[in-house]
Amino acid sequence: MDAHRAGDALAASALDLARVWRAGRAAARPEAFPGLLDGLVESFLQVAGELLAEGRDPALVWPASAGVVRIPRDAQRAREELDAEWDLVEEVLAAALQALQAGEAAVEWMRRAVVIGRAGTRHLGPRSGPPGVLALSVLSDAGATRRGRGPSPR
């Protein structure tokens, strides 16, 4: 399949690919929910597919993405967690492109888009990043959200 058709397929499947990413992230770190990139990943996947289909530069994916990125206060932990989540984004995209038989050029294009997205999240702050990306500081332990919830309101 050519890159144009593969990109169209990825864009159309962004929601499903985000579900695959979320399932893989939850399996890798079940104590933390949601993921730090959870509010951004679907947009990133859709924009990546659209721009791949259009033959555009992968550097345009990150600035065109929109959503919320949660940033732990501990810079080292933030970097480790975000890197692990971007690794999974790359794995999901590479697997999808391989399943579509899109070719190595499309896979390399997508890897470049992920590298740029990863670098972009490393520099996120209250007033930095693309216009559509909101960085939120996580004041509690990123792993404390699933088990730390009280009973649901009745």
C-alpha atoms as a PDB file:
ATOM      1  CA  MET A   1       0.000   0.000   0.000  1.00  0.00           C
ATOM      2  CA  ASP A   2       1.324   3.444  -0.805  1.00  0.00           C
ATOM      3  CA  ALA A   3       1.914   6.098   1.868  1.00  0.00           C
ATOM      4  CA  HIS A   4      -1.128   8.120   0.771  1.00  0.00           C
ATOM      5  CA  ARG A   5      -3.558   5.248   1.311  1.00  0.00           C
ATOM      6  CA  ALA A   6      -1.766   4.128   4.483  1.00  0.00           C
ATOM      7  CA  GLY A   7      -2.038   7.649   5.893  1.00  0.00           C
ATOM      8  CA  ASP A   8      -5.750   7.766   5.089  1.00  0.00           C
ATOM      9  CA  ALA A   9      -6.196   4.417   6.842  1.00  0.00           C
ATOM     10  CA  LEU A  10      -4.290   5.629   9.923  1.00  0.00           C
ATOM     11  CA  ALA A  11      -6.297   8.855  10.117  1.00  0.00           C
ATOM     12  CA  ALA A  12      -9.557   6.929   9.824  1.00  0.00           C
ATOM     13  CA  SER A  13      -8.394   4.482  12.510  1.00  0.00           C
ATOM     14  CA  ALA A  14      -7.019   7.057  14.976  1.00  0.00           C
ATOM     15  CA  LEU A  15      -9.640   6.252  17.622  1.00  0.00           C
ATOM     16  CA  ASP A  16      -8.984   2.516  17.378  1.00  0.00           C
ATOM     17  CA  LEU A  17      -5.215   3.021  17.395  1.00  0.00           C
ATOM     18  CA  ALA A  18      -5.574   5.245  20.466  1.00  0.00           C
ATOM     19  CA  ARG A  19      -7.498   2.411  22.150  1.00  0.00           C
ATOM     20  CA  VAL A  20      -4.671   0.007  21.308  1.00  0.00           C
ATOM     21  CA  TRP A  21      -2.180   2.506  22.727  1.00  0.00           C
ATOM     22  CA  ARG A  22      -4.240   2.935  25.907  1.00  0.00           C
ATOM     23  CA  ALA A  23      -4.561  -0.817  26.372  1.00  0.00           C
ATOM     24  CA  GLY A  24      -0.811  -1.294  25.918  1.00  0.00           C
ATOM     25  CA  ARG A  25      -0.017   1.586  28.252  1.00  0.00           C
ATOM     26  CA  ALA A  26      -2.437   0.297  30.896  1.00  0.00           C
ATOM     27  CA  ALA A  27      -0.938  -3.194  30.666  1.00  0.00           C
ATOM     28  CA  ALA A  28       2.584  -1.798  31.046  1.00  0.00           C
ATOM     29  CA  ARG A  29       1.666   0.407  34.000  1.00  0.00           C
ATOM     30  CA  PRO A  30      -1.727  -0.621  35.424  1.00  0.00           C
ATOM     31  CA  GLU A  31      -1.360   1.495  38.560  1.00  0.00           C
ATOM     32  CA  ALA A  32      -1.365   4.764  36.579  1.00  0.00           C
ATOM     33  CA  PHE A  33      -4.468   5.932  34.811  1.00  0.00           C
ATOM     34  CA  PRO A  34      -4.810   7.852  32.589  1.00  0.00           C
ATOM     35  CA  GLY A  35      -1.525   8.086  30.725  1.00  0.00           C
ATOM     36  CA  LEU A  36       0.323  11.374  30.521  1.00  0.00           C
ATOM     37  CA  LEU A  37      -0.315  11.531  26.760  1.00  0.00           C
ATOM     38  CA  ASP A  38      -3.867  10.190  27.022  1.00  0.00           C
ATOM     39  CA  GLY A  39      -5.467  13.525  26.137  1.00  0.00           C
ATOM     40  CA  LEU A  40      -3.211  14.035  23.116  1.00  0.00           C
ATOM     41  CA  VAL A  41      -2.600  10.638  21.558  1.00  0.00           C
ATOM     42  CA  GLU A  42      -5.741  10.396  19.414  1.00  0.00           C
ATOM     43  CA  SER A  43      -5.174  13.824  17.879  1.00  0.00           C
ATOM     44  CA  PHE A  44      -1.512  13.033  17.239  1.00  0.00           C
ATOM     45  CA  LEU A  45      -2.420   9.758  15.495  1.00  0.00           C
ATOM     46  CA  GLN A  46      -5.090  11.385  13.346  1.00  0.00           C
ATOM     47  CA  VAL A  47      -2.924  14.343  12.327  1.00  0.00           C
ATOM     48  CA  ALA A  48      -0.019  11.993  11.582  1.00  0.00           C
ATOM     49  CA  GLY A  49      -2.209   9.915   9.288  1.00  0.00           C
ATOM     50  CA  GLU A  50      -3.592  12.973   7.526  1.00  0.00           C
ATOM     51  CA  LEU A  51      -0.186  14.517   6.936  1.00  0.00           C
ATOM     52  CA  LEU A  52       1.337  11.213   5.804  1.00  0.00           C
ATOM     53  CA  ALA A  53      -1.527  10.882   3.302  1.00  0.00           C
ATOM     54  CA  GLU A  54      -0.853  14.414   2.042  1.00  0.00           C
ATOM     55  CA  GLY A  55       2.885  13.775   1.706  1.00  0.00           C
ATOM     56  CA  ARG A  56       3.676  16.594   4.137  1.00  0.00           C
ATOM     57  CA  ASP A  57       6.690  16.964   6.423  1.00  0.00           C
ATOM     58  CA  PRO A  58       6.474  14.892   9.650  1.00  0.00           C
ATOM     59  CA  ALA A  59       7.707  17.970  11.555  1.00  0.00           C
ATOM     60  CA  LEU A  60       4.212  19.410  11.064  1.00  0.00           C
ATOM     61  CA  VAL A  61       2.464  16.695  13.107  1.00  0.00           C
ATOM     62  CA  TRP A  62       3.420  17.927  16.584  1.00  0.00           C
ATOM     63  CA  PRO A  63       2.443  21.588  16.068  1.00  0.00           C
ATOM     64  CA  ALA A  64      -0.875  20.527  14.502  1.00  0.00           C
ATOM     65  CA  SER A  65      -1.794  18.152  17.350  1.00  0.00           C
ATOM     66  CA  ALA A  66      -4.220  19.215  20.058  1.00  0.00           C
ATOM     67  CA  GLY A  67      -4.965  17.936  23.541  1.00  0.00           C
ATOM     68  CA  VAL A  68      -3.835  17.807  27.138  1.00  0.00           C
ATOM     69  CA  VAL A  69      -0.471  16.469  28.297  1.00  0.00           C
ATOM     70  CA  ARG A  70      -0.101  15.769  32.016  1.00  0.00           C
ATOM     71  CA  ILE A  71       3.362  16.655  33.338  1.00  0.00           C
ATOM     72  CA  PRO A  72       4.574  15.309  36.712  1.00  0.00           C
ATOM     73  CA  ARG A  73       6.428  17.839  38.856  1.00  0.00           C
ATOM     74  CA  ASP A  74       9.492  15.598  39.064  1.00  0.00           C
ATOM     75  CA  ALA A  75      11.330  16.381  35.796  1.00  0.00           C
ATOM     76  CA  GLN A  76      13.210  13.058  35.713  1.00  0.00           C
ATOM     77  CA  ARG A  77      10.041  11.059  36.264  1.00  0.00           C
ATOM     78  CA  ALA A  78       8.197  13.136  33.669  1.00  0.00           C
ATOM     79  CA  ARG A  79      10.870  12.403  31.085  1.00  0.00           C
ATOM     80  CA  GLU A  80      10.916   8.670  31.846  1.00  0.00           C
ATOM     81  CA  GLU A  81       7.129   8.321  31.761  1.00  0.00           C
ATOM     82  CA  LEU A  82       6.702  10.426  28.629  1.00  0.00           C
ATOM     83  CA  ASP A  83       9.500   8.560  26.841  1.00  0.00           C
ATOM     84  CA  ALA A  84       7.863   5.228  27.658  1.00  0.00           C
ATOM     85  CA  GLU A  85       4.520   6.487  26.370  1.00  0.00           C
ATOM     86  CA  TRP A  86       6.077   7.851  23.156  1.00  0.00           C
ATOM     87  CA  ASP A  87       7.849   4.500  22.682  1.00  0.00           C
ATOM     88  CA  LEU A  88       4.436   2.858  22.729  1.00  0.00           C
ATOM     89  CA  VAL A  89       3.024   5.415  20.252  1.00  0.00           C
ATOM     90  CA  GLU A  90       5.870   4.504  17.920  1.00  0.00           C
ATOM     91  CA  GLU A  91       5.247   0.764  18.366  1.00  0.00           C
ATOM     92  CA  VAL A  92       1.528   1.116  17.642  1.00  0.00           C
ATOM     93  CA  LEU A  93       2.149   3.196  14.519  1.00  0.00           C
ATOM     94  CA  ALA A  94       4.922   0.934  13.228  1.00  0.00           C
ATOM     95  CA  ALA A  95       2.745  -2.149  13.730  1.00  0.00           C
ATOM     96  CA  ALA A  96      -0.194  -0.505  11.949  1.00  0.00           C
ATOM     97  CA  LEU A  97       1.976   0.557   9.010  1.00  0.00           C
ATOM     98  CA  GLN A  98       3.536  -2.892   8.780  1.00  0.00           C
ATOM     99  CA  ALA A  99       0.074  -4.482   8.810  1.00  0.00           C
ATOM    100  CA  LEU A 100      -0.899  -2.134   5.975  1.00  0.00           C
ATOM    101  CA  GLN A 101       2.330  -3.041   4.131  1.00  0.00           C
ATOM    102  CA  ALA A 102       3.016   0.680   3.778  1.00  0.00           C
ATOM    103  CA  GLY A 103       6.744   0.271   3.276  1.00  0.00           C
ATOM    104  CA  GLU A 104       9.820   1.357   5.151  1.00  0.00           C
ATOM    105  CA  ALA A 105       9.613   4.980   3.955  1.00  0.00           C
ATOM    106  CA  ALA A 106       6.220   5.408   5.646  1.00  0.00           C
ATOM    107  CA  VAL A 107       7.491   3.778   8.845  1.00  0.00           C
ATOM    108  CA  GLU A 108      10.531   6.070   8.866  1.00  0.00           C
ATOM    109  CA  TRP A 109       8.299   9.100   8.247  1.00  0.00           C
ATOM    110  CA  MET A 110       6.188   8.124  11.252  1.00  0.00           C
ATOM    111  CA  ARG A 111       9.256   7.557  13.429  1.00  0.00           C
ATOM    112  CA  ARG A 112      10.413  11.091  12.639  1.00  0.00           C
ATOM    113  CA  ALA A 113       6.991  12.477  13.603  1.00  0.00           C
ATOM    114  CA  VAL A 114       7.191  10.622  16.940  1.00  0.00           C
ATOM    115  CA  VAL A 115      10.745  11.858  17.615  1.00  0.00           C
ATOM    116  CA  ILE A 116       9.566  15.432  17.089  1.00  0.00           C
ATOM    117  CA  GLY A 117       6.497  14.903  19.300  1.00  0.00           C
ATOM    118  CA  ARG A 118       8.673  13.367  22.022  1.00  0.00           C
ATOM    119  CA  ALA A 119      11.068  16.328  21.875  1.00  0.00           C
ATOM    120  CA  GLY A 120       8.127  18.718  21.993  1.00  0.00           C
ATOM    121  CA  THR A 121       6.744  17.245  25.204  1.00  0.00           C
ATOM    122  CA  ARG A 122      10.160  17.510  26.846  1.00  0.00           C
ATOM    123  CA  HIS A 123       9.956  21.282  26.519  1.00  0.00           C
ATOM    124  CA  LEU A 124       6.329  21.768  27.503  1.00  0.00           C
ATOM    125  CA  GLY A 125       5.557  24.305  30.164  1.00  0.00           C
ATOM    126  CA  PRO A 126       2.740  26.659  31.121  1.00  0.00           C
ATOM    127  CA  ARG A 127       3.379  28.925  28.135  1.00  0.00           C
ATOM    128  CA  SER A 128       5.211  26.717  25.679  1.00  0.00           C
ATOM    129  CA  GLY A 129       4.255  24.187  23.047  1.00  0.00           C
ATOM    130  CA  PRO A 130       1.912  24.246  20.081  1.00  0.00           C
ATOM    131  CA  PRO A 131      -1.246  26.366  20.354  1.00  0.00           C
ATOM    132  CA  GLY A 132      -3.497  23.297  20.651  1.00  0.00           C
ATOM    133  CA  VAL A 133      -1.497  21.527  23.367  1.00  0.00           C
ATOM    134  CA  LEU A 134      -2.222  22.267  27.010  1.00  0.00           C
ATOM    135  CA  ALA A 135       0.330  21.111  29.586  1.00  0.00           C
ATOM    136  CA  LEU A 136      -1.054  20.401  33.050  1.00  0.00           C
ATOM    137  CA  SER A 137       1.181  19.929  36.050  1.00  0.00           C
ATOM    138  CA  VAL A 138       0.343  16.768  37.977  1.00  0.00           C
ATOM    139  CA  LEU A 139       0.584  17.609  41.667  1.00  0.00           C
ATOM    140  CA  SER A 140       0.006  14.063  42.915  1.00  0.00           C
ATOM    141  CA  ASP A 141       1.874  10.895  42.076  1.00  0.00           C
ATOM    142  CA  ALA A 142       0.950   9.915  38.508  1.00  0.00           C
ATOM    143  CA  GLY A 143       0.296   6.379  39.757  1.00  0.00           C
ATOM    144  CA  ALA A 144      -2.122   7.453  42.481  1.00  0.00           C
ATOM    145  CA  THR A 145      -5.152   8.141  40.338  1.00  0.00           C
ATOM    146  CA  ARG A 146      -6.736   4.726  39.777  1.00  0.00           C
ATOM    147  CA  ARG A 147      -6.652   3.315  43.294  1.00  0.00           C
ATOM    148  CA  GLY A 148      -6.803   6.667  45.038  1.00  0.00           C
ATOM    149  CA  ARG A 149     -10.357   7.476  43.984  1.00  0.00           C
ATOM    150  CA  GLY A 150     -13.110   7.383  46.504  1.00  0.00           C
ATOM    151  CA  PRO A 151     -16.514   5.809  45.909  1.00  0.00           C
ATOM    152  CA  SER A 152     -18.531   7.216  43.057  1.00  0.00           C
ATOM    153  CA  PRO A 153     -21.202   9.794  43.961  1.00  0.00           C
ATOM    154  CA  ARG A 154     -24.707   8.437  44.240  1.00  0.00           C
END
